[in-house]
Protein backbone atom coordinates (compact mmCIF):
# COMPACT_ATOMS: atom_id res chain seq x y z
CA MET A 1 18.30 5.22 -12.65
CA SER A 2 20.18 1.97 -13.33
CA SER A 3 18.37 -1.28 -14.05
CA ARG A 4 19.83 -2.77 -10.87
CA ALA A 5 18.50 0.05 -8.71
CA THR A 6 15.10 -0.20 -10.42
CA ALA A 7 15.00 -3.92 -9.63
CA VAL A 8 15.83 -3.28 -5.96
CA LEU A 9 13.15 -0.60 -5.67
CA ARG A 10 10.60 -2.82 -7.39
CA ALA A 11 11.39 -5.79 -5.13
CA SER A 12 11.19 -3.64 -1.99
CA LEU A 13 7.87 -2.17 -3.12
CA ILE A 14 6.31 -5.55 -3.96
CA LEU A 15 7.42 -7.14 -0.68
CA GLY A 16 6.37 -4.05 1.29
CA ILE A 17 2.90 -4.11 -0.24
CA ALA A 18 2.61 -7.88 0.32
CA LEU A 19 3.48 -7.59 4.01
CA ARG A 20 0.94 -4.82 4.55
CA LEU A 21 -1.87 -6.58 2.69
CA ALA A 22 -1.22 -9.91 4.42
CA LEU A 23 -1.16 -8.43 7.92
CA CYS A 24 -4.32 -6.44 7.23
CA ALA A 25 -6.02 -9.59 5.94
CA VAL A 26 -5.44 -11.63 9.12
CA ASN A 27 -5.71 -8.89 11.74
CA PRO A 28 -9.18 -8.74 13.36
CA PRO A 29 -10.91 -5.41 12.61
CA THR A 30 -11.18 -4.54 16.29
CA ASN A 31 -7.52 -5.25 17.09
CA ALA A 32 -6.57 -1.57 17.22
CA PHE A 33 -5.42 1.08 19.66
CA ASP A 34 -8.76 2.92 19.77
CA ASP A 35 -12.32 2.52 18.49
CA HIS A 36 -12.32 4.62 15.33
CA TYR A 37 -15.44 2.82 14.08
CA LYS A 38 -17.67 4.72 16.51
CA PRO A 39 -17.54 8.14 14.74
CA ILE A 40 -18.23 6.40 11.42
CA LYS A 41 -21.28 4.62 12.86
CA LEU A 42 -22.57 7.90 14.27
CA ILE A 43 -22.26 9.56 10.85
CA LEU A 44 -24.13 6.65 9.23
CA THR A 45 -26.84 6.81 11.90
CA THR A 46 -27.38 10.56 12.14
CA GLY A 47 -26.10 11.78 8.78
CA GLU A 48 -24.04 14.43 10.58
CA ILE A 49 -20.50 14.87 11.85
CA PRO A 50 -20.62 13.93 15.55
CA ASP A 51 -19.91 16.44 18.28
CA ARG A 52 -16.76 16.12 20.35
CA ASP A 53 -18.62 14.68 23.34
CA ASP A 54 -20.49 12.01 21.37
CA CYS A 55 -17.58 9.57 21.71
CA PHE A 56 -13.95 9.56 22.79
CA GLU A 57 -12.55 9.72 19.23
CA CYS A 58 -15.15 12.24 18.02
CA TYR A 59 -12.90 15.25 18.62
CA HIS A 60 -10.70 14.38 15.62
CA PRO A 61 -11.05 16.27 12.32
CA PRO A 62 -13.62 14.60 10.06
CA VAL A 63 -11.91 13.63 6.77
CA PHE A 64 -11.13 10.02 7.70
CA TYR A 65 -14.55 9.39 9.23
CA LEU A 66 -16.55 11.09 6.46
CA SER A 67 -14.69 9.27 3.68
CA SER A 68 -15.05 5.96 5.52
CA ALA A 69 -18.76 6.56 6.03
CA TRP A 70 -19.19 7.19 2.29
CA VAL A 71 -17.46 3.87 1.56
CA ALA A 72 -19.63 2.09 4.12
CA GLN A 73 -22.78 3.67 2.68
CA ALA A 74 -21.84 2.53 -0.82
CA ALA A 75 -21.15 -0.97 0.49
CA MET A 76 -24.53 -1.14 2.20
CA GLN A 77 -26.26 -0.04 -0.99
CA ALA A 78 -24.39 -2.82 -2.80
CA ASP A 79 -25.79 -5.34 -0.25
CA VAL A 80 -22.40 -6.14 1.27
CA ALA A 81 -22.88 -8.22 4.40
CA PRO A 82 -22.69 -6.07 7.57
CA GLU A 83 -19.96 -8.25 9.09
CA ARG A 84 -17.79 -7.56 6.03
CA ILE A 85 -18.15 -3.78 6.14
CA GLU A 86 -15.88 -3.45 9.18
CA LYS A 87 -13.20 -5.43 7.34
CA LEU A 88 -13.70 -3.21 4.29
CA LEU A 89 -13.21 -0.11 6.43
CA GLN A 90 -10.13 -1.69 7.99
CA PHE A 91 -8.67 -2.06 4.49
CA LEU A 92 -8.83 1.70 3.86
CA PRO A 93 -5.86 2.51 6.15
CA CYS A 94 -3.96 -0.31 4.42
CA LEU A 95 -4.70 1.32 1.07
CA TYR A 96 -3.48 4.68 2.40
CA ALA A 97 -0.28 3.04 3.67
CA ILE A 98 0.40 1.43 0.29
CA LEU A 99 -0.23 4.71 -1.53
CA THR A 100 2.22 6.37 0.86
CA LEU A 101 4.95 4.01 -0.36
CA PHE A 102 4.43 5.21 -3.93
CA VAL A 103 4.34 8.89 -2.92
CA ILE A 104 7.52 8.73 -0.84
CA LEU A 105 9.27 6.89 -3.67
CA GLY A 106 8.28 9.85 -5.85
CA ILE A 107 9.72 12.22 -3.23
CA LEU A 108 13.04 10.36 -3.16
CA ARG A 109 13.30 10.47 -6.94
CA ARG A 110 12.73 14.24 -6.96
CA LEU A 111 15.58 14.85 -4.51
CA ARG A 112 18.27 14.09 -7.12
CA LEU A 113 20.21 11.74 -4.85
CA SER A 114 22.24 8.70 -5.88
CA ASP A 115 20.59 5.37 -6.75
CA PHE A 116 22.26 3.78 -3.73
CA ALA A 117 20.87 6.36 -1.29
CA VAL A 118 17.36 6.07 -2.74
CA CYS A 119 17.43 2.26 -2.56
CA VAL A 120 18.59 2.20 1.07
CA ALA A 121 16.02 4.77 2.23
CA PHE A 122 13.12 3.20 0.34
CA ALA A 123 13.95 -0.26 1.68
CA VAL A 124 13.95 1.18 5.22
CA LEU A 125 10.46 2.52 4.55
CA CYS A 126 9.12 -0.68 3.00
CA PHE A 127 10.39 -2.80 5.88
CA LEU A 128 9.69 -0.36 8.70
CA PRO A 129 7.72 -2.55 11.17
CA ARG A 130 5.63 0.27 12.64
CA HIS A 131 4.38 1.34 9.22
CA VAL A 132 3.53 -2.30 8.43
CA TYR A 133 1.61 -2.55 11.71
CA MET A 134 -0.31 0.65 11.05
CA ALA A 135 -1.38 -0.62 7.61
CA ALA A 136 -3.29 -3.38 9.41
CA VAL A 137 -4.86 -1.21 12.13
CA HIS A 138 -8.09 0.73 11.73
CA SER A 139 -7.22 4.34 12.63
CA ASN A 140 -6.96 7.82 11.19
CA ASP A 141 -3.17 7.82 11.27
CA THR A 142 -2.26 6.35 7.88
CA ILE A 143 -4.45 8.83 5.98
CA ALA A 144 -2.58 11.59 7.82
CA TYR A 145 0.78 10.09 6.76
CA LEU A 146 -0.48 9.96 3.19
CA GLY A 147 -1.75 13.55 3.24
CA VAL A 148 1.53 14.99 4.54
CA SER A 149 3.51 12.91 2.03
CA VAL A 150 1.36 14.09 -0.88
CA CYS A 151 1.82 17.71 0.20
CA VAL A 152 5.62 17.27 0.40
CA TRP A 153 5.66 15.70 -3.07
CA LEU A 154 3.55 18.53 -4.50
CA ILE A 155 5.81 21.16 -2.91
CA LEU A 156 8.78 19.55 -4.69
CA ARG A 157 6.80 19.42 -7.92
CA CYS A 158 5.93 23.11 -7.62
CA LEU A 159 9.58 24.02 -7.13
CA ASP A 160 10.67 21.92 -10.10
CA SER A 161 7.98 23.30 -12.41
CA GLY A 162 8.64 26.95 -11.58
CA LEU A 163 5.39 27.24 -9.57
CA ARG A 164 3.12 26.16 -12.41
CA LEU A 165 -0.51 27.15 -11.76
CA LEU A 166 -1.86 23.58 -11.93
CA ASP A 167 0.70 22.34 -9.42
CA LEU A 168 -0.10 25.21 -7.05
CA ALA A 169 -3.82 24.44 -7.29
CA LEU A 170 -3.21 20.75 -6.57
CA LEU A 171 -1.01 21.63 -3.58
CA SER A 172 -3.60 24.02 -2.17
CA GLY A 173 -6.34 21.39 -2.49
CA ALA A 174 -4.19 18.68 -0.92
CA MET A 175 -3.36 20.97 1.99
CA ALA A 176 -7.03 21.88 2.49
CA ILE A 177 -7.85 18.17 2.93
CA THR A 178 -4.75 17.25 4.94
CA VAL A 179 -5.10 19.93 7.64
CA VAL A 180 -8.51 18.51 8.63
CA THR A 181 -7.32 14.92 8.66
CA LYS A 182 -5.56 15.06 12.03
CA TYR A 183 -4.27 17.88 14.22
CA THR A 184 -0.66 16.82 13.65
CA SER A 185 -1.14 17.19 9.89
CA MET A 186 -1.41 20.96 10.21
CA VAL A 187 2.38 20.90 10.00
CA VAL A 188 2.00 21.16 6.20
CA LEU A 189 1.37 24.91 6.59
CA PRO A 190 4.84 25.76 7.98
CA LEU A 191 6.32 23.29 5.49
CA VAL A 192 5.13 25.18 2.42
CA VAL A 193 6.11 28.52 3.97
CA THR A 194 9.59 27.15 4.71
CA ALA A 195 10.18 25.69 1.23
CA PHE A 196 8.77 28.66 -0.68
CA GLY A 197 10.43 31.11 1.72
CA CYS A 198 13.80 29.48 1.00
CA ALA A 199 13.12 29.69 -2.74
CA TRP A 200 12.29 33.40 -2.27
CA LEU A 201 15.53 34.03 -0.35
CA LEU A 202 17.64 32.15 -2.91
CA ARG A 203 15.78 33.54 -5.93
CA VAL A 204 15.08 30.11 -7.47
CA ALA A 205 12.03 28.42 -9.03
CA ALA A 206 10.39 31.75 -9.96
CA SER A 207 10.53 35.48 -9.40
CA ARG A 208 10.25 36.70 -5.82
CA ARG A 209 6.91 38.32 -6.54
CA ARG A 210 5.48 35.12 -7.99
CA ILE A 211 6.74 33.09 -5.02
CA ALA A 212 5.22 35.52 -2.52
CA VAL A 213 1.85 35.63 -4.28
CA ALA A 214 1.81 31.85 -4.72
CA THR A 215 2.59 31.27 -1.03
CA LEU A 216 -0.28 33.48 0.07
CA ALA A 217 -2.69 32.07 -2.50
CA ILE A 218 -2.17 28.38 -1.78
CA CYS A 219 -2.62 28.92 1.98
CA VAL A 220 -6.14 30.37 1.51
CA ALA A 221 -7.93 27.05 0.96
CA PRO A 222 -6.35 25.19 3.92
CA LEU A 223 -6.93 28.16 6.24
CA VAL A 224 -10.60 28.31 5.16
CA SER A 225 -10.82 24.56 5.72
CA LEU A 226 -9.43 24.94 9.23
CA ALA A 227 -11.76 27.87 9.95
CA LEU A 228 -14.82 25.85 8.94
CA PHE A 229 -13.73 23.06 11.28
CA ALA A 230 -12.74 25.35 14.15
CA ALA A 231 -15.75 27.71 14.17
CA PRO A 232 -18.30 25.21 15.62
CA ASN A 233 -15.71 24.11 18.19
CA VAL A 234 -15.15 27.68 19.36
CA ARG A 235 -18.91 28.15 19.59
CA ASP A 236 -19.61 24.91 21.47
CA HIS A 237 -16.41 24.27 23.44
CA GLY A 238 -14.56 27.59 23.56
CA ARG A 239 -11.54 26.13 21.73
CA PRO A 240 -10.80 25.83 18.01
CA PHE A 241 -9.15 22.41 18.29
CA PRO A 242 -10.61 20.56 21.28
CA SER A 243 -9.39 17.21 22.57
CA ASN A 244 -10.83 14.48 24.75
CA LEU A 245 -7.44 13.52 26.18
CA GLU A 246 -8.20 15.66 29.24
CA LEU A 247 -11.11 13.33 29.99
CA PHE A 248 -8.79 10.35 29.58
CA GLN A 249 -6.29 11.90 31.97
CA GLN A 250 -9.01 12.60 34.52
CA ASP A 251 -10.17 8.99 34.39
CA TRP A 252 -6.64 7.86 35.14
CA LEU A 253 -6.19 10.35 37.98
CA ASP A 254 -9.56 9.37 39.46
CA SER A 255 -8.46 5.73 39.48
CA GLY A 256 -5.54 6.62 41.75
CA ARG A 257 -2.83 6.14 39.13
CA ALA A 258 0.08 8.57 39.23
CA THR A 259 1.76 10.14 36.23
CA ARG A 260 5.11 8.88 34.94
CA ASP A 261 8.40 10.62 35.66
CA VAL A 262 9.36 10.98 31.99
CA ASP A 263 13.01 11.35 30.98
CA PHE A 264 13.05 13.89 28.14
CA MET A 265 16.84 13.96 27.71
CA GLY A 266 18.16 10.40 27.87
CA PHE A 267 18.45 7.80 25.13
CA ARG A 268 19.07 4.22 26.28
CA PRO A 269 18.94 1.92 23.25
CA TRP A 270 20.58 -0.91 25.18
CA ALA A 271 17.59 -1.03 27.54
CA ALA A 272 15.10 -1.53 24.72
CA ILE A 273 17.35 -4.06 22.97
CA ALA A 274 17.71 -6.08 26.17
CA THR A 275 13.96 -5.96 26.86
CA PRO A 276 12.03 -5.49 23.57
CA ILE A 277 8.76 -4.75 25.33
CA LEU A 278 7.69 -1.88 27.58
CA ALA A 279 9.46 -2.44 30.90
CA PRO A 280 10.59 -0.47 33.98
CA ASP A 281 14.08 0.11 32.55
CA ASN A 282 12.95 1.60 29.22
CA ARG A 283 9.37 2.89 29.28
CA ASP A 284 10.08 6.25 30.94
CA SER A 285 12.72 7.39 28.43
CA LEU A 286 10.87 9.37 25.76
CA TRP A 287 13.41 9.03 22.95
CA THR A 288 14.13 5.38 23.74
CA VAL A 289 10.46 4.46 23.58
CA LEU A 290 9.74 6.52 20.45
CA TRP A 291 12.67 4.98 18.60
CA ALA A 292 12.20 1.39 19.79
CA ARG A 293 8.45 1.35 19.14
CA ALA A 294 9.12 2.13 15.49
CA TRP A 295 11.03 -1.15 15.13
CA PHE A 296 9.05 -3.63 17.20
CA ASP A 297 5.60 -4.30 18.64
CA MET A 298 6.43 -3.03 22.14
CA GLU A 299 2.86 -2.04 23.10
CA PRO A 300 2.09 -4.83 22.22
CA LEU A 301 -0.76 -5.32 19.76
CA PHE A 302 0.28 -8.50 17.97
CA LEU A 303 2.46 -10.33 20.52
CA PRO A 304 -0.58 -11.69 22.40
CA TYR A 305 -1.21 -13.75 19.24
CA THR A 306 2.36 -14.91 18.65
CA ASP A 307 3.03 -15.58 22.34
CA PRO A 308 -0.35 -16.57 23.82
CA VAL A 309 0.75 -17.21 27.40
CA ASP A 310 -1.82 -17.63 30.15
CA GLU A 311 -4.40 -14.89 30.36
CA ALA A 312 -3.26 -13.83 33.82
CA TRP A 313 0.16 -12.82 32.47
CA TRP A 314 -1.30 -10.53 29.82
CA ASP A 315 -3.80 -9.12 32.32
CA ALA A 316 -0.93 -8.23 34.64
CA TYR A 317 0.99 -6.71 31.75
CA GLU A 318 -2.01 -4.58 30.72
CA ARG A 319 -2.27 -3.32 34.28
CA TYR A 320 1.41 -2.45 34.21
CA VAL A 321 1.27 -0.60 30.87
CA GLY A 322 -1.97 1.15 31.80
CA GLY A 323 -0.70 2.47 35.11
CA ALA A 324 2.47 3.50 36.86
CA GLU A 325 3.00 0.54 39.18
CA ASP A 326 6.35 -1.08 38.37
CA GLU A 327 5.47 -3.84 40.81
CA ALA A 328 3.06 -5.21 38.19
CA TRP A 329 5.92 -5.93 35.77
CA GLN A 330 6.03 -9.68 35.06
CA GLY A 331 9.33 -9.93 33.18
CA THR A 332 9.82 -11.43 29.71
CA GLU A 333 9.97 -15.12 30.68
CA ALA A 334 6.58 -15.79 29.07
CA LEU A 335 7.69 -14.47 25.67
CA GLY A 336 9.11 -16.96 23.19
CA SER A 337 12.76 -17.05 22.17
CA PHE A 338 11.90 -16.19 18.54
CA THR A 339 9.95 -13.11 19.63
CA LEU A 340 12.78 -11.93 21.87
CA ALA A 341 15.41 -12.58 19.19
CA THR A 342 13.55 -10.76 16.41
CA GLY A 343 12.61 -7.91 18.73
CA ARG A 344 16.17 -7.40 19.88
CA GLY A 345 17.48 -7.72 16.33
CA LEU A 346 15.02 -5.26 14.83
CA ILE A 347 15.53 -2.66 17.55
CA ALA A 348 19.30 -3.00 17.22
CA LEU A 349 19.10 -2.67 13.43
CA GLY A 350 16.99 0.46 13.94
CA LEU A 351 20.20 2.17 15.07
CA LEU A 352 21.41 2.14 11.47
CA PRO A 353 18.59 4.33 10.05
CA ALA A 354 18.91 6.48 13.19
CA LEU A 355 22.57 7.09 12.34
CA LEU A 356 21.72 7.89 8.73
CA LEU A 357 18.97 10.24 9.91
CA ALA A 358 21.45 12.10 12.11
CA LEU A 359 23.94 12.36 9.23
CA GLY A 360 21.18 13.60 6.93
CA MET A 361 20.07 16.20 9.45
CA VAL A 362 23.62 17.54 9.79
CA ALA A 363 24.07 17.57 6.01
CA SER A 364 20.81 19.46 5.46
CA LEU A 365 21.63 22.07 8.11
CA ALA A 366 25.37 22.56 7.54
CA GLY A 367 26.40 20.58 4.46
CA ARG A 368 26.59 21.09 0.74
CA TRP A 369 22.90 22.01 0.37
CA SER A 370 22.43 23.96 3.59
CA LEU A 371 20.69 27.31 3.50
CA LEU A 372 23.62 29.12 5.13
CA ARG A 373 26.02 27.83 2.50
CA ALA A 374 23.66 28.77 -0.33
CA LEU A 375 23.33 32.33 0.99
CA ARG A 376 27.11 32.83 0.86
CA THR A 377 27.03 32.95 -2.96
CA PRO A 378 25.34 36.14 -4.24
CA ALA A 379 22.51 35.38 -6.67
CA GLY A 380 24.10 37.55 -9.34
CA GLN A 381 27.26 35.41 -9.31
CA ALA A 382 25.50 32.05 -9.40
CA THR A 383 26.55 29.50 -12.02
CA ASP A 384 24.38 26.68 -13.34
CA GLU A 385 25.89 24.42 -10.69
CA THR A 386 25.20 26.81 -7.82
CA ARG A 387 21.69 27.50 -9.10
CA GLU A 388 20.95 23.76 -9.02
CA ALA A 389 22.46 23.60 -5.52
CA ARG A 390 20.16 26.46 -4.45
CA LEU A 391 17.14 24.64 -5.87
CA GLN A 392 18.20 21.47 -4.04
CA THR A 393 18.46 23.52 -0.85
CA SER A 394 14.88 24.68 -1.36
CA ARG A 395 13.82 21.06 -1.79
CA LEU A 396 15.57 19.88 1.37
CA VAL A 397 15.07 22.81 3.75
CA MET A 398 11.59 21.70 4.83
CA MET A 399 12.74 18.21 5.88
CA PRO A 400 14.39 19.19 9.21
CA VAL A 401 11.42 21.49 9.87
CA LEU A 402 9.02 18.55 9.52
CA VAL A 403 11.16 16.28 11.73
CA LEU A 404 11.63 18.89 14.44
CA GLY A 405 7.97 19.96 14.24
CA VAL A 406 6.73 16.41 14.74
CA MET A 407 9.13 15.81 17.62
CA ALA A 408 8.19 19.09 19.29
CA GLY A 409 4.53 18.13 19.11
CA ILE A 410 5.22 14.81 20.82
CA VAL A 411 7.28 16.50 23.54
CA LEU A 412 4.53 19.05 24.26
CA THR A 413 1.89 16.31 24.38
CA THR A 414 4.00 14.21 26.75
CA VAL A 415 4.64 17.20 29.00
CA LYS A 416 0.89 17.71 29.25
CA PHE A 417 0.03 14.01 29.45
CA PRO A 418 3.04 12.21 30.99
CA TYR A 419 1.83 8.70 30.26
CA THR A 420 3.14 5.90 28.10
CA PHE A 421 0.28 6.41 25.63
CA SER A 422 1.74 9.82 24.71
CA MET A 423 5.10 8.34 23.69
CA LYS A 424 4.01 6.51 20.55
CA SER A 425 6.02 6.25 17.36
CA ILE A 426 2.78 6.36 15.38
CA TYR A 427 2.95 10.13 15.95
CA ILE A 428 6.51 10.27 14.59
CA LEU A 429 5.35 8.67 11.34
CA ASN A 430 3.48 11.87 10.53
CA GLY A 431 6.93 13.13 9.52
CA LEU A 432 7.64 9.99 7.49
CA PRO A 433 8.57 11.71 4.18
CA ALA A 434 11.15 13.86 5.95
CA PHE A 435 12.57 10.99 8.00
CA ILE A 436 13.02 8.84 4.89
CA ALA A 437 14.42 11.76 2.86
CA LEU A 438 16.99 12.48 5.58
CA VAL A 439 17.91 8.78 5.79
CA ALA A 440 18.56 8.96 2.04
CA LEU A 441 20.63 12.11 2.49
CA GLY A 442 22.61 10.38 5.23
CA ALA A 443 23.23 7.37 2.99
CA GLU A 444 24.38 9.80 0.29
CA GLN A 445 27.18 10.98 2.59
CA LEU A 446 28.52 7.41 2.82
CA ALA A 447 27.82 6.21 -0.72
CA GLU A 448 31.38 6.79 -1.97
CA ARG A 449 33.01 4.86 0.88
CA PRO A 450 33.26 1.17 -0.06
CA LEU A 451 33.25 -0.25 3.47
CA ALA A 452 30.35 1.95 4.59
CA ARG A 453 28.47 1.07 1.42
CA ARG A 454 28.88 -2.66 2.07
CA LEU A 455 27.82 -2.30 5.69
CA LEU A 456 24.73 -0.29 4.70
CA THR A 457 23.79 -2.86 2.07
CA ALA A 458 24.18 -5.74 4.52
CA GLY A 459 22.32 -3.94 7.31
CA THR A 460 19.41 -2.99 5.06
CA ALA A 461 19.15 -6.54 3.70
CA LEU A 462 19.16 -7.92 7.25
CA LEU A 463 16.44 -5.46 8.22
CA ALA A 464 14.30 -6.66 5.32
CA LEU A 465 14.90 -10.29 6.31
CA LEU A 466 14.11 -9.82 10.01
CA THR A 467 11.02 -7.71 9.37
CA THR A 468 9.71 -10.31 6.92
CA ALA A 469 10.36 -13.12 9.41
CA HIS A 470 8.67 -11.14 12.20
CA ILE A 471 5.56 -10.37 10.13
CA LEU A 472 5.38 -13.99 8.91
CA HIS A 473 5.48 -15.09 12.55
CA ILE A 474 2.46 -12.87 13.24
CA LEU A 475 0.66 -14.08 10.12
CA VAL A 476 1.06 -17.75 11.02
CA ALA A 477 -0.08 -17.14 14.59
CA MET A 478 -3.12 -15.08 13.61
CA ALA A 479 -4.14 -17.35 10.76
CA GLY A 480 -4.13 -20.33 13.10
CA ASP A 481 -5.94 -18.54 15.92
């Protein structure tokens, strides 16, 4: 990698870490989407993993809560003031988010793409507003992003090392932890089967027998881990992976609120750009909301600090977001011009990574490193160049699977729970390593075109500038609150 590319990556990493640490430092511990402190407190009080019905968030797998409880226990033994323990626990997701930056950088470097493509994709990750937000919010999401990213990196490492025993053991252990981090993280199981299955088909990385045995062996630990988690749930609730969302839905139905008429097919970016907050013209379009929420605080969680209009306005907005009554919509007049300008700019700039993602998806499915193209060359006639292409295919084949798997999960959840809370981009970030890898692959398709290269460079730089300005706006508002 050139010294210039190294400097760009280093600058993006340093600024990305700084934004995440700073936002975490000023964000109040309880400013979050849900109360994920409750399961931790129950573990500290009872010494046991809470049952699903002990609290709303208690149905989640236990890794985040157990590890947080151990940190809290150590802090209490060290006589850390109780009011500081919540802030300490809030820092853990920030730490996971920062570690994810390093892991995904490692993934990009293992994909053998150009320096330009790696720099563009990594800058998109470092200045992705939703990932910056989630680094400051206490939840079990960022540890799930980290777990999936580590598993993807270890899969690539296994392929590159010829399925070395140590790498296989590390991958199996990482998968065993990740699958009981969050339900969405179970996607790592089809990922490893896809990558190793492709290697088996293309006869790369190792012999077919070794690949088959390795695939079966590394899945044992995560399947045992899932079984240990699921068995008590089957016994007590009749389901291996219970959820409390049904209770949430029933509360909403009991209150007289109707479900939303969700548009699963349309994509209206202009609606989100015009109104960079959840509104009647954009909130019912699944793909519009998922995409726009990745680029701006549309819920919102931080805008009440940057734009502290009268309490009645925010109360009316909360009623609107929480229900289905479009009559409660108050418009955007109370939001400041800077908030509207940065929101519109960031959501508009989000179209650039979306385009690269689409190009990367096409390239991975039908381009130079697609599985169908690799299968056209018989293994016995493969040259060094085609063998490397086959190995690259095995590296990339799992990326579309992860993207499509994450999206399918969101669609199924929204079909079952047709509310705005189901259409959150925090769920998309579970496929973060694949999204960023495909953005890099898309940038690779344009790297040799001077005009496209200049436009990508300018757009990525503008994204970094706007994201930094937006986060600084939040920091100033929260620090002075």
